[in-house]
Amino acid sequence: MPVSLNRRQTLLGLGAIGAASAFAAPALARTQRNLAVLHLGSHAPSFIAWERGYFKDAGIDLNLQFFEAAQPMAVAIASGDADFGVTAMTGGLISLAQKDAVKVIGGALIERPGSPGSVILASNKAYEDGLTDPSKLEGRSFGITTAGSSFHFMAHKIALATGQDLSKIDLRPLQKLGSLVGALSTGQIDAWAIQPSIAAKLLADGSVRQIGTIAEVAPNYQVTTAFTSTKNASGEPELVKSFVAAYSRAIADYNAAFIDRTADQAEIDALAAIVHKYVETDSAADVAKANLIVGAQRINEGLAMAVDSLVEQLEWYKSEGMVDPSVTREQLIDTSFVQTV
């Protein structure tokens, strides 16, 4: 069955309760900072910056902290367990921003027509049964991690662009990316949308079919954002500026190697080896590098932020009843650290 409004509110409410209890008590004093990340190719600049010592160069003693989905990352930052994160904006993140716990301080991955981006996939079973186009999703199951996730918003954008009723699409919250990969490849769900590095692997395995791209239905969608605690943004602005500077160095490396192709082969090989330590670790290095190149997506230089897209997402979450309708863009976004686009 489609995820009902009450179920959405329940899921997000549980997250808010957990978050509230998490940041009600002050975190223990730490000598290290943590960057919340996922094992995804879109997080390549995180791995590059850490491995190449860019955070240390910026004066930040920072470790990588791994998660399985976006919303727990926001809770970790609100609680003080992590200091920075780069991932999709979610209903949980917005609710935490309203509680003055987190701030979006930059933009990272963006969907641009004509550039590699997230791929809409169908299981072989569903494709053979007629799901050959995103406009045929009504009555089909579509995988998401949780209600209020970026995958949920992508489903909304697909429905909006193709004239479908989102309530007639069976949204399946499976919590973890690995669970979604398994469910799609075995035909337990009919469709999913995911970044091209993962899509390339599934397509190469022959377990799925491509039926569209997110850039076609959601041009200039700011998929991922950089965020930190409100305490850091307001109380330690120099720390935030240092993080942005270090991360921006890694973005420049990544774009030069995998998007603009201005880096030499030795640099491409070196960066691919870094990313392979964290992404597709079960694949041979040459296969992982090929998937990284095929699946590369431009990351905004300097963590520039597409504010219009973030505001659109905020308003959608409000319209769906997944966040408080009174939350403002000022509570969510701090534009003082990066350029806006």
C-alpha atoms as a PDB file:
ATOM      1  CA  MET A   1       0.000   0.000   0.000  1.00  0.00           C
ATOM      2  CA  PRO A   2       1.173   3.592  -0.522  1.00  0.00           C
ATOM      3  CA  VAL A   3       2.666   5.301   2.509  1.00  0.00           C
ATOM      4  CA  SER A   4      -0.261   7.141   4.081  1.00  0.00           C
ATOM      5  CA  LEU A   5      -0.061  10.609   5.583  1.00  0.00           C
ATOM      6  CA  ASN A   6      -0.519   9.154   9.055  1.00  0.00           C
ATOM      7  CA  ARG A   7       2.283   6.660   8.460  1.00  0.00           C
ATOM      8  CA  ARG A   8       4.544   9.440   7.204  1.00  0.00           C
ATOM      9  CA  GLN A   9       3.833  11.511  10.268  1.00  0.00           C
ATOM     10  CA  THR A  10       4.387   8.500  12.524  1.00  0.00           C
ATOM     11  CA  LEU A  11       7.753   7.701  10.987  1.00  0.00           C
ATOM     12  CA  LEU A  12       8.926  11.279  11.174  1.00  0.00           C
ATOM     13  CA  GLY A  13       7.481  11.707  14.637  1.00  0.00           C
ATOM     14  CA  LEU A  14       9.487   8.768  15.937  1.00  0.00           C
ATOM     15  CA  GLY A  15      12.591  10.322  14.446  1.00  0.00           C
ATOM     16  CA  ALA A  16      11.824  13.648  16.084  1.00  0.00           C
ATOM     17  CA  ILE A  17      11.300  11.988  19.470  1.00  0.00           C
ATOM     18  CA  GLY A  18      14.614  10.208  19.162  1.00  0.00           C
ATOM     19  CA  ALA A  19      16.314  13.394  18.052  1.00  0.00           C
ATOM     20  CA  ALA A  20      14.811  15.414  20.870  1.00  0.00           C
ATOM     21  CA  SER A  21      16.029  12.950  23.479  1.00  0.00           C
ATOM     22  CA  ALA A  22      19.410  12.818  21.763  1.00  0.00           C
ATOM     23  CA  PHE A  23      20.165  16.511  21.892  1.00  0.00           C
ATOM     24  CA  ALA A  24      18.358  17.282  25.142  1.00  0.00           C
ATOM     25  CA  ALA A  25      21.548  16.368  27.004  1.00  0.00           C
ATOM     26  CA  PRO A  26      24.853  17.994  26.006  1.00  0.00           C
ATOM     27  CA  ALA A  27      27.312  15.760  24.162  1.00  0.00           C
ATOM     28  CA  LEU A  28      30.512  14.844  25.969  1.00  0.00           C
ATOM     29  CA  ALA A  29      33.431  17.107  25.200  1.00  0.00           C
ATOM     30  CA  ARG A  30      35.368  15.790  22.214  1.00  0.00           C
ATOM     31  CA  THR A  31      38.833  16.522  20.950  1.00  0.00           C
ATOM     32  CA  GLN A  32      37.891  15.252  17.498  1.00  0.00           C
ATOM     33  CA  ARG A  33      35.247  16.314  14.997  1.00  0.00           C
ATOM     34  CA  ASN A  34      33.206  13.850  12.921  1.00  0.00           C
ATOM     35  CA  LEU A  35      31.955  14.064   9.346  1.00  0.00           C
ATOM     36  CA  ALA A  36      28.853  11.943   8.724  1.00  0.00           C
ATOM     37  CA  VAL A  37      29.030  10.096   5.390  1.00  0.00           C
ATOM     38  CA  LEU A  38      27.510   7.251   3.363  1.00  0.00           C
ATOM     39  CA  HIS A  39      29.325   4.582   1.348  1.00  0.00           C
ATOM     40  CA  LEU A  40      28.363   6.277  -1.937  1.00  0.00           C
ATOM     41  CA  GLY A  41      30.282   7.687  -4.878  1.00  0.00           C
ATOM     42  CA  SER A  42      28.596  11.042  -4.318  1.00  0.00           C
ATOM     43  CA  HIS A  43      30.585  11.264  -1.079  1.00  0.00           C
ATOM     44  CA  ALA A  44      33.880  10.995  -2.949  1.00  0.00           C
ATOM     45  CA  PRO A  45      35.012  14.521  -1.924  1.00  0.00           C
ATOM     46  CA  SER A  46      34.612  13.498   1.734  1.00  0.00           C
ATOM     47  CA  PHE A  47      36.994  10.587   1.243  1.00  0.00           C
ATOM     48  CA  ILE A  48      39.412  12.640  -0.866  1.00  0.00           C
ATOM     49  CA  ALA A  49      39.567  15.470   1.668  1.00  0.00           C
ATOM     50  CA  TRP A  50      40.164  13.054   4.538  1.00  0.00           C
ATOM     51  CA  GLU A  51      42.750  10.880   2.796  1.00  0.00           C
ATOM     52  CA  ARG A  52      44.687  13.847   1.424  1.00  0.00           C
ATOM     53  CA  GLY A  53      44.760  15.645   4.757  1.00  0.00           C
ATOM     54  CA  TYR A  54      42.770  18.669   3.642  1.00  0.00           C
ATOM     55  CA  PHE A  55      40.862  18.822   6.929  1.00  0.00           C
ATOM     56  CA  LYS A  56      44.109  18.694   8.888  1.00  0.00           C
ATOM     57  CA  ASP A  57      45.544  21.440   6.655  1.00  0.00           C
ATOM     58  CA  ALA A  58      42.499  23.532   7.604  1.00  0.00           C
ATOM     59  CA  GLY A  59      43.144  22.908  11.309  1.00  0.00           C
ATOM     60  CA  ILE A  60      40.319  20.394  11.842  1.00  0.00           C
ATOM     61  CA  ASP A  61      40.952  17.070  13.586  1.00  0.00           C
ATOM     62  CA  LEU A  62      38.156  15.186  11.861  1.00  0.00           C
ATOM     63  CA  ASN A  63      37.167  11.551  11.386  1.00  0.00           C
ATOM     64  CA  LEU A  64      34.689   9.913   9.023  1.00  0.00           C
ATOM     65  CA  GLN A  65      31.546   8.505  10.645  1.00  0.00           C
ATOM     66  CA  PHE A  66      29.499   6.121   8.477  1.00  0.00           C
ATOM     67  CA  PHE A  67      25.704   5.814   8.269  1.00  0.00           C
ATOM     68  CA  GLU A  68      23.196   3.812   6.217  1.00  0.00           C
ATOM     69  CA  ALA A  69      20.698   6.614   5.487  1.00  0.00           C
ATOM     70  CA  ALA A  70      20.392  10.395   5.514  1.00  0.00           C
ATOM     71  CA  GLN A  71      18.026  11.062   8.419  1.00  0.00           C
ATOM     72  CA  PRO A  72      20.183   9.431  11.140  1.00  0.00           C
ATOM     73  CA  MET A  73      23.025  11.681  10.013  1.00  0.00           C
ATOM     74  CA  ALA A  74      20.985  14.763  10.842  1.00  0.00           C
ATOM     75  CA  VAL A  75      20.119  13.346  14.262  1.00  0.00           C
ATOM     76  CA  ALA A  76      23.813  12.687  14.940  1.00  0.00           C
ATOM     77  CA  ILE A  77      24.692  16.288  14.145  1.00  0.00           C
ATOM     78  CA  ALA A  78      21.837  17.603  16.276  1.00  0.00           C
ATOM     79  CA  SER A  79      23.034  15.476  19.204  1.00  0.00           C
ATOM     80  CA  GLY A  80      26.663  16.552  18.840  1.00  0.00           C
ATOM     81  CA  ASP A  81      27.893  13.079  17.846  1.00  0.00           C
ATOM     82  CA  ALA A  82      28.864  14.456  14.438  1.00  0.00           C
ATOM     83  CA  ASP A  83      29.762  17.983  13.377  1.00  0.00           C
ATOM     84  CA  PHE A  84      29.202  18.008   9.620  1.00  0.00           C
ATOM     85  CA  GLY A  85      27.283  15.995   7.073  1.00  0.00           C
ATOM     86  CA  VAL A  86      26.838  15.941   3.332  1.00  0.00           C
ATOM     87  CA  THR A  87      23.652  14.240   2.243  1.00  0.00           C
ATOM     88  CA  ALA A  88      20.138  14.818   0.963  1.00  0.00           C
ATOM     89  CA  MET A  89      17.696  17.122   2.691  1.00  0.00           C
ATOM     90  CA  THR A  90      15.027  15.137   4.531  1.00  0.00           C
ATOM     91  CA  GLY A  91      11.912  15.807   6.558  1.00  0.00           C
ATOM     92  CA  GLY A  92      13.837  14.847   9.674  1.00  0.00           C
ATOM     93  CA  LEU A  93      16.568  17.379   8.915  1.00  0.00           C
ATOM     94  CA  ILE A  94      13.979  20.124   8.402  1.00  0.00           C
ATOM     95  CA  SER A  95      12.276  19.292  11.705  1.00  0.00           C
ATOM     96  CA  LEU A  96      15.628  19.464  13.477  1.00  0.00           C
ATOM     97  CA  ALA A  97      16.334  22.824  11.841  1.00  0.00           C
ATOM     98  CA  GLN A  98      13.063  24.138  13.226  1.00  0.00           C
ATOM     99  CA  LYS A  99      14.236  23.036  16.682  1.00  0.00           C
ATOM    100  CA  ASP A 100      17.336  25.192  16.119  1.00  0.00           C
ATOM    101  CA  ALA A 101      19.547  22.103  16.024  1.00  0.00           C
ATOM    102  CA  VAL A 102      20.961  21.982  12.457  1.00  0.00           C
ATOM    103  CA  LYS A 103      21.616  24.328   9.533  1.00  0.00           C
ATOM    104  CA  VAL A 104      22.140  23.702   5.831  1.00  0.00           C
ATOM    105  CA  ILE A 105      25.315  25.623   4.970  1.00  0.00           C
ATOM    106  CA  GLY A 106      26.032  24.524   1.400  1.00  0.00           C
ATOM    107  CA  GLY A 107      24.979  22.551  -1.649  1.00  0.00           C
ATOM    108  CA  ALA A 108      26.777  19.565  -3.129  1.00  0.00           C
ATOM    109  CA  LEU A 109      25.339  17.182  -5.731  1.00  0.00           C
ATOM    110  CA  ILE A 110      22.926  18.734  -8.234  1.00  0.00           C
ATOM    111  CA  GLU A 111      20.885  17.230 -11.083  1.00  0.00           C
ATOM    112  CA  ARG A 112      21.646  18.986 -14.353  1.00  0.00           C
ATOM    113  CA  PRO A 113      20.166  18.073 -17.741  1.00  0.00           C
ATOM    114  CA  GLY A 114      22.867  16.795 -20.062  1.00  0.00           C
ATOM    115  CA  SER A 115      25.127  15.678 -17.208  1.00  0.00           C
ATOM    116  CA  PRO A 116      25.278  12.263 -15.544  1.00  0.00           C
ATOM    117  CA  GLY A 117      22.724  12.026 -12.768  1.00  0.00           C
ATOM    118  CA  SER A 118      20.446   9.731 -10.819  1.00  0.00           C
ATOM    119  CA  VAL A 119      18.927   6.939 -12.874  1.00  0.00           C
ATOM    120  CA  ILE A 120      15.359   5.650 -12.685  1.00  0.00           C
ATOM    121  CA  LEU A 121      15.476   1.861 -12.742  1.00  0.00           C
ATOM    122  CA  ALA A 122      12.914  -0.922 -13.124  1.00  0.00           C
ATOM    123  CA  SER A 123      13.353  -4.532 -12.118  1.00  0.00           C
ATOM    124  CA  ASN A 124      13.569  -6.954 -15.021  1.00  0.00           C
ATOM    125  CA  LYS A 125      10.271  -8.490 -13.935  1.00  0.00           C
ATOM    126  CA  ALA A 126       8.466  -5.123 -13.888  1.00  0.00           C
ATOM    127  CA  TYR A 127      10.049  -4.033 -17.172  1.00  0.00           C
ATOM    128  CA  GLU A 128       8.875  -7.186 -18.912  1.00  0.00           C
ATOM    129  CA  ASP A 129       5.446  -6.536 -17.402  1.00  0.00           C
ATOM    130  CA  GLY A 130       5.247  -3.106 -19.066  1.00  0.00           C
ATOM    131  CA  LEU A 131       7.106  -0.704 -16.765  1.00  0.00           C
ATOM    132  CA  THR A 132       9.217   0.746 -19.568  1.00  0.00           C
ATOM    133  CA  ASP A 133       8.795   4.435 -18.713  1.00  0.00           C
ATOM    134  CA  PRO A 134       8.547   6.532 -15.496  1.00  0.00           C
ATOM    135  CA  SER A 135       5.058   7.620 -16.563  1.00  0.00           C
ATOM    136  CA  LYS A 136       3.809   4.088 -15.839  1.00  0.00           C
ATOM    137  CA  LEU A 137       4.526   3.996 -12.108  1.00  0.00           C
ATOM    138  CA  GLU A 138       0.936   4.200 -10.840  1.00  0.00           C
ATOM    139  CA  GLY A 139       0.008   0.877  -9.282  1.00  0.00           C
ATOM    140  CA  ARG A 140       3.681  -0.103  -9.040  1.00  0.00           C
ATOM    141  CA  SER A 141       6.038  -0.234  -6.061  1.00  0.00           C
ATOM    142  CA  PHE A 142       8.840   2.324  -5.761  1.00  0.00           C
ATOM    143  CA  GLY A 143      11.652   1.933  -3.239  1.00  0.00           C
ATOM    144  CA  ILE A 144      12.557   4.622  -0.707  1.00  0.00           C
ATOM    145  CA  THR A 145      14.662   4.500   2.446  1.00  0.00           C
ATOM    146  CA  THR A 146      12.120   6.260   4.679  1.00  0.00           C
ATOM    147  CA  ALA A 147       9.153   8.567   4.378  1.00  0.00           C
ATOM    148  CA  GLY A 148      10.531  12.080   3.989  1.00  0.00           C
ATOM    149  CA  SER A 149      13.760  10.906   2.330  1.00  0.00           C
ATOM    150  CA  SER A 150      15.251  12.223  -0.911  1.00  0.00           C
ATOM    151  CA  PHE A 151      13.924   9.092  -2.639  1.00  0.00           C
ATOM    152  CA  HIS A 152      10.435  10.077  -1.511  1.00  0.00           C
ATOM    153  CA  PHE A 153      10.918  13.552  -2.999  1.00  0.00           C
ATOM    154  CA  MET A 154      12.215  12.001  -6.239  1.00  0.00           C
ATOM    155  CA  ALA A 155       9.044   9.908  -6.457  1.00  0.00           C
ATOM    156  CA  HIS A 156       7.040  13.132  -6.046  1.00  0.00           C
ATOM    157  CA  LYS A 157       9.019  14.843  -8.833  1.00  0.00           C
ATOM    158  CA  ILE A 158       8.534  11.854 -11.153  1.00  0.00           C
ATOM    159  CA  ALA A 159       4.793  11.862 -10.483  1.00  0.00           C
ATOM    160  CA  LEU A 160       4.546  15.637 -10.936  1.00  0.00           C
ATOM    161  CA  ALA A 161       6.469  15.674 -14.216  1.00  0.00           C
ATOM    162  CA  THR A 162       4.571  12.740 -15.714  1.00  0.00           C
ATOM    163  CA  GLY A 163       1.055  13.652 -14.552  1.00  0.00           C
ATOM    164  CA  GLN A 164       0.665  10.802 -12.077  1.00  0.00           C
ATOM    165  CA  ASP A 165      -0.928  10.679  -8.635  1.00  0.00           C
ATOM    166  CA  LEU A 166       1.790  10.044  -6.030  1.00  0.00           C
ATOM    167  CA  SER A 167      -0.778   8.425  -3.716  1.00  0.00           C
ATOM    168  CA  LYS A 168      -1.285   5.725  -6.374  1.00  0.00           C
ATOM    169  CA  ILE A 169       2.392   4.768  -6.332  1.00  0.00           C
ATOM    170  CA  ASP A 170       3.207   2.113  -3.739  1.00  0.00           C
ATOM    171  CA  LEU A 171       6.106   3.645  -1.791  1.00  0.00           C
ATOM    172  CA  ARG A 172       8.145   0.954  -0.037  1.00  0.00           C
ATOM    173  CA  PRO A 173      10.338   2.201   2.868  1.00  0.00           C
ATOM    174  CA  LEU A 174      13.196  -0.310   3.193  1.00  0.00           C
ATOM    175  CA  GLN A 175      15.502   1.782   5.422  1.00  0.00           C
ATOM    176  CA  LYS A 176      18.906   0.834   3.953  1.00  0.00           C
ATOM    177  CA  LEU A 177      20.461   1.257   0.516  1.00  0.00           C
ATOM    178  CA  GLY A 178      21.615  -2.359   0.514  1.00  0.00           C
ATOM    179  CA  SER A 179      18.062  -3.519   1.123  1.00  0.00           C
ATOM    180  CA  LEU A 180      16.833  -1.429  -1.811  1.00  0.00           C
ATOM    181  CA  VAL A 181      19.526  -2.828  -4.108  1.00  0.00           C
ATOM    182  CA  GLY A 182      18.575  -6.375  -3.150  1.00  0.00           C
ATOM    183  CA  ALA A 183      14.841  -5.770  -3.436  1.00  0.00           C
ATOM    184  CA  LEU A 184      15.082  -4.225  -6.902  1.00  0.00           C
ATOM    185  CA  SER A 185      17.512  -6.770  -8.318  1.00  0.00           C
ATOM    186  CA  THR A 186      15.282  -9.649  -7.169  1.00  0.00           C
ATOM    187  CA  GLY A 187      12.022  -8.054  -8.293  1.00  0.00           C
ATOM    188  CA  GLN A 188      10.624  -7.515  -4.796  1.00  0.00           C
ATOM    189  CA  ILE A 189      10.068  -3.864  -5.732  1.00  0.00           C
ATOM    190  CA  ASP A 190       9.307  -2.593  -9.221  1.00  0.00           C
ATOM    191  CA  ALA A 191      11.327   0.624  -9.401  1.00  0.00           C
ATOM    192  CA  TRP A 192      13.867   2.867  -7.697  1.00  0.00           C
ATOM    193  CA  ALA A 193      15.991   5.925  -8.488  1.00  0.00           C
ATOM    194  CA  ILE A 194      19.652   5.995  -7.504  1.00  0.00           C
ATOM    195  CA  GLN A 195      22.890   7.738  -8.362  1.00  0.00           C
ATOM    196  CA  PRO A 196      24.654   6.456 -11.481  1.00  0.00           C
ATOM    197  CA  SER A 197      27.574   4.709  -9.752  1.00  0.00           C
ATOM    198  CA  ILE A 198      25.186   2.210  -8.132  1.00  0.00           C
ATOM    199  CA  ALA A 199      22.929   2.119 -11.198  1.00  0.00           C
ATOM    200  CA  ALA A 200      25.897   1.290 -13.437  1.00  0.00           C
ATOM    201  CA  LYS A 201      26.747  -1.740 -11.336  1.00  0.00           C
ATOM    202  CA  LEU A 202      23.158  -3.027 -11.348  1.00  0.00           C
ATOM    203  CA  LEU A 203      22.847  -2.462 -15.091  1.00  0.00           C
ATOM    204  CA  ALA A 204      26.147  -4.230 -15.738  1.00  0.00           C
ATOM    205  CA  ASP A 205      24.905  -7.193 -13.699  1.00  0.00           C
ATOM    206  CA  GLY A 206      21.860  -7.347 -15.965  1.00  0.00           C
ATOM    207  CA  SER A 207      19.477  -7.349 -12.999  1.00  0.00           C
ATOM    208  CA  VAL A 208      17.607  -4.110 -13.833  1.00  0.00           C
ATOM    209  CA  ARG A 209      16.608  -1.843 -16.732  1.00  0.00           C
ATOM    210  CA  GLN A 210      16.978   1.922 -17.054  1.00  0.00           C
ATOM    211  CA  ILE A 211      13.685   3.695 -17.761  1.00  0.00           C
ATOM    212  CA  GLY A 212      14.629   7.352 -17.231  1.00  0.00           C
ATOM    213  CA  THR A 213      16.701   9.896 -15.297  1.00  0.00           C
ATOM    214  CA  ILE A 214      15.921  12.282 -12.470  1.00  0.00           C
ATOM    215  CA  ALA A 215      17.456  15.210 -14.380  1.00  0.00           C
ATOM    216  CA  GLU A 216      14.676  14.806 -16.974  1.00  0.00           C
ATOM    217  CA  VAL A 217      11.923  15.205 -14.382  1.00  0.00           C
ATOM    218  CA  ALA A 218      13.710  17.431 -11.827  1.00  0.00           C
ATOM    219  CA  PRO A 219      16.245  19.711 -13.550  1.00  0.00           C
ATOM    220  CA  ASN A 220      18.477  21.672 -11.147  1.00  0.00           C
ATOM    221  CA  TYR A 221      17.330  19.621  -8.165  1.00  0.00           C
ATOM    222  CA  GLN A 222      19.822  20.181  -5.312  1.00  0.00           C
ATOM    223  CA  VAL A 223      20.084  16.552  -4.249  1.00  0.00           C
ATOM    224  CA  THR A 224      22.622  16.780  -1.449  1.00  0.00           C
ATOM    225  CA  THR A 225      23.539  19.528   0.963  1.00  0.00           C
ATOM    226  CA  ALA A 226      26.273  20.239   3.471  1.00  0.00           C
ATOM    227  CA  PHE A 227      24.997  20.876   6.971  1.00  0.00           C
ATOM    228  CA  THR A 228      26.205  21.359  10.501  1.00  0.00           C
ATOM    229  CA  SER A 229      24.772  22.077  13.924  1.00  0.00           C
ATOM    230  CA  THR A 230      23.238  25.484  14.546  1.00  0.00           C
ATOM    231  CA  LYS A 231      25.697  25.742  17.434  1.00  0.00           C
ATOM    232  CA  ASN A 232      28.623  25.433  15.009  1.00  0.00           C
ATOM    233  CA  ALA A 233      27.106  27.777  12.436  1.00  0.00           C
ATOM    234  CA  SER A 234      26.397  30.541  14.943  1.00  0.00           C
ATOM    235  CA  GLY A 235      29.047  29.918  17.591  1.00  0.00           C
ATOM    236  CA  GLU A 236      32.033  28.646  15.607  1.00  0.00           C
ATOM    237  CA  PRO A 237      31.833  30.272  12.167  1.00  0.00           C
ATOM    238  CA  GLU A 238      35.586  29.950  11.615  1.00  0.00           C
ATOM    239  CA  LEU A 239      35.308  26.179  12.065  1.00  0.00           C
ATOM    240  CA  VAL A 240      32.559  26.087   9.433  1.00  0.00           C
ATOM    241  CA  LYS A 241      34.571  28.259   7.043  1.00  0.00           C
ATOM    242  CA  SER A 242      37.554  25.945   7.474  1.00  0.00           C
ATOM    243  CA  PHE A 243      35.401  22.918   6.723  1.00  0.00           C
ATOM    244  CA  VAL A 244      33.989  24.544   3.577  1.00  0.00           C
ATOM    245  CA  ALA A 245      37.497  25.468   2.402  1.00  0.00           C
ATOM    246  CA  ALA A 246      38.846  21.949   2.943  1.00  0.00           C
ATOM    247  CA  TYR A 247      35.864  20.273   1.325  1.00  0.00           C
ATOM    248  CA  SER A 248      36.017  22.669  -1.609  1.00  0.00           C
ATOM    249  CA  ARG A 249      39.608  21.588  -2.332  1.00  0.00           C
ATOM    250  CA  ALA A 250      38.413  17.999  -2.618  1.00  0.00           C
ATOM    251  CA  ILE A 251      35.489  19.005  -4.832  1.00  0.00           C
ATOM    252  CA  ALA A 252      37.920  20.740  -7.193  1.00  0.00           C
ATOM    253  CA  ASP A 253      40.043  17.565  -7.347  1.00  0.00           C
ATOM    254  CA  TYR A 254      36.981  15.409  -8.005  1.00  0.00           C
ATOM    255  CA  ASN A 255      35.485  17.613 -10.729  1.00  0.00           C
ATOM    256  CA  ALA A 256      38.835  17.993 -12.500  1.00  0.00           C
ATOM    257  CA  ALA A 257      39.360  14.236 -12.578  1.00  0.00           C
ATOM    258  CA  PHE A 258      35.896  12.859 -13.253  1.00  0.00           C
ATOM    259  CA  ILE A 259      33.790  15.670 -14.741  1.00  0.00           C
ATOM    260  CA  ASP A 260      35.996  18.177 -16.580  1.00  0.00           C
ATOM    261  CA  ARG A 261      38.724  15.584 -17.318  1.00  0.00           C
ATOM    262  CA  THR A 262      41.466  18.190 -16.941  1.00  0.00           C
ATOM    263  CA  ALA A 263      43.480  16.012 -14.538  1.00  0.00           C
ATOM    264  CA  ASP A 264      46.134  13.636 -15.852  1.00  0.00           C
ATOM    265  CA  GLN A 265      45.746   9.859 -15.743  1.00  0.00           C
ATOM    266  CA  ALA A 266      47.946   9.490 -12.657  1.00  0.00           C
ATOM    267  CA  GLU A 267      45.659  11.839 -10.733  1.00  0.00           C
ATOM    268  CA  ILE A 268      42.528  10.041 -11.915  1.00  0.00           C
ATOM    269  CA  ASP A 269      44.005   6.703 -10.840  1.00  0.00           C
ATOM    270  CA  ALA A 270      45.049   8.089  -7.455  1.00  0.00           C
ATOM    271  CA  LEU A 271      41.604   9.538  -6.703  1.00  0.00           C
ATOM    272  CA  ALA A 272      39.833   6.391  -7.891  1.00  0.00           C
ATOM    273  CA  ALA A 273      42.011   4.351  -5.522  1.00  0.00           C
ATOM    274  CA  ILE A 274      41.034   6.620  -2.623  1.00  0.00           C
ATOM    275  CA  VAL A 275      37.314   6.314  -3.344  1.00  0.00           C
ATOM    276  CA  HIS A 276      37.582   2.533  -3.789  1.00  0.00           C
ATOM    277  CA  LYS A 277      38.585   2.218  -0.139  1.00  0.00           C
ATOM    278  CA  TYR A 278      35.027   3.258   0.767  1.00  0.00           C
ATOM    279  CA  VAL A 279      32.807   2.556  -2.260  1.00  0.00           C
ATOM    280  CA  GLU A 280      32.280  -0.764  -4.091  1.00  0.00           C
ATOM    281  CA  THR A 281      34.895  -2.409  -1.914  1.00  0.00           C
ATOM    282  CA  ASP A 282      33.624  -5.820  -3.037  1.00  0.00           C
ATOM    283  CA  SER A 283      34.499  -5.015  -6.667  1.00  0.00           C
ATOM    284  CA  ALA A 284      37.864  -5.193  -8.370  1.00  0.00           C
ATOM    285  CA  ALA A 285      39.675  -1.851  -8.448  1.00  0.00           C
ATOM    286  CA  ASP A 286      39.409  -1.479 -12.228  1.00  0.00           C
ATOM    287  CA  VAL A 287      35.677  -2.219 -12.165  1.00  0.00           C
ATOM    288  CA  ALA A 288      35.091   0.235  -9.324  1.00  0.00           C
ATOM    289  CA  LYS A 289      37.074   2.918 -11.170  1.00  0.00           C
ATOM    290  CA  ALA A 290      35.081   2.376 -14.359  1.00  0.00           C
ATOM    291  CA  ASN A 291      31.798   2.673 -12.426  1.00  0.00           C
ATOM    292  CA  LEU A 292      33.061   5.803 -10.670  1.00  0.00           C
ATOM    293  CA  ILE A 293      33.912   7.432 -13.998  1.00  0.00           C
ATOM    294  CA  VAL A 294      30.633   6.418 -15.644  1.00  0.00           C
ATOM    295  CA  GLY A 295      28.649   7.463 -12.583  1.00  0.00           C
ATOM    296  CA  ALA A 296      30.417  10.729 -11.792  1.00  0.00           C
ATOM    297  CA  GLN A 297      28.123  13.680 -11.091  1.00  0.00           C
ATOM    298  CA  ARG A 298      29.196  17.280 -10.806  1.00  0.00           C
ATOM    299  CA  ILE A 299      29.492  18.611  -7.269  1.00  0.00           C
ATOM    300  CA  ASN A 300      28.914  22.341  -6.874  1.00  0.00           C
ATOM    301  CA  GLU A 301      32.244  24.156  -6.737  1.00  0.00           C
ATOM    302  CA  GLY A 302      32.828  25.673  -3.323  1.00  0.00           C
ATOM    303  CA  LEU A 303      29.657  23.941  -2.032  1.00  0.00           C
ATOM    304  CA  ALA A 304      27.562  26.603  -3.789  1.00  0.00           C
ATOM    305  CA  MET A 305      23.897  26.315  -2.829  1.00  0.00           C
ATOM    306  CA  ALA A 306      20.844  26.188  -5.144  1.00  0.00           C
ATOM    307  CA  VAL A 307      18.521  28.001  -2.767  1.00  0.00           C
ATOM    308  CA  ASP A 308      15.438  27.858  -5.007  1.00  0.00           C
ATOM    309  CA  SER A 309      15.598  24.065  -5.082  1.00  0.00           C
ATOM    310  CA  LEU A 310      15.981  23.842  -1.304  1.00  0.00           C
ATOM    311  CA  VAL A 311      13.010  26.154  -0.785  1.00  0.00           C
ATOM    312  CA  GLU A 312      10.948  24.034  -3.207  1.00  0.00           C
ATOM    313  CA  GLN A 313      11.782  20.939  -1.174  1.00  0.00           C
ATOM    314  CA  LEU A 314      10.923  22.709   2.070  1.00  0.00           C
ATOM    315  CA  GLU A 315       7.539  23.769   0.729  1.00  0.00           C
ATOM    316  CA  TRP A 316       6.792  20.236  -0.498  1.00  0.00           C
ATOM    317  CA  TYR A 317       7.535  18.713   2.893  1.00  0.00           C
ATOM    318  CA  LYS A 318       5.228  21.293   4.456  1.00  0.00           C
ATOM    319  CA  SER A 319       2.457  20.651   1.928  1.00  0.00           C
ATOM    320  CA  GLU A 320       2.646  16.901   2.597  1.00  0.00           C
ATOM    321  CA  GLY A 321       2.281  17.392   6.344  1.00  0.00           C
ATOM    322  CA  MET A 322       5.695  15.877   7.015  1.00  0.00           C
ATOM    323  CA  VAL A 323       7.082  18.963   8.766  1.00  0.00           C
ATOM    324  CA  ASP A 324       5.516  21.807  10.723  1.00  0.00           C
ATOM    325  CA  PRO A 325       3.976  24.326   8.289  1.00  0.00           C
ATOM    326  CA  SER A 326       5.478  27.214  10.252  1.00  0.00           C
ATOM    327  CA  VAL A 327       9.128  26.298   9.623  1.00  0.00           C
ATOM    328  CA  THR A 328      10.917  29.024   7.629  1.00  0.00           C
ATOM    329  CA  ARG A 329      13.761  29.042   5.147  1.00  0.00           C
ATOM    330  CA  GLU A 330      15.773  31.137   7.606  1.00  0.00           C
ATOM    331  CA  GLN A 331      15.510  28.369  10.199  1.00  0.00           C
ATOM    332  CA  LEU A 332      16.746  25.823   7.659  1.00  0.00           C
ATOM    333  CA  ILE A 333      19.347  27.616   5.537  1.00  0.00           C
ATOM    334  CA  ASP A 334      22.395  29.727   6.375  1.00  0.00           C
ATOM    335  CA  THR A 335      23.759  31.296   3.186  1.00  0.00           C
ATOM    336  CA  SER A 336      26.654  33.126   4.839  1.00  0.00           C
ATOM    337  CA  PHE A 337      29.325  30.499   4.145  1.00  0.00           C
ATOM    338  CA  VAL A 338      28.984  29.814   0.392  1.00  0.00           C
ATOM    339  CA  GLN A 339      27.799  31.378  -2.844  1.00  0.00           C
ATOM    340  CA  THR A 340      24.199  30.821  -3.954  1.00  0.00           C
ATOM    341  CA  VAL A 341      23.223  29.740  -7.460  1.00  0.00           C
END
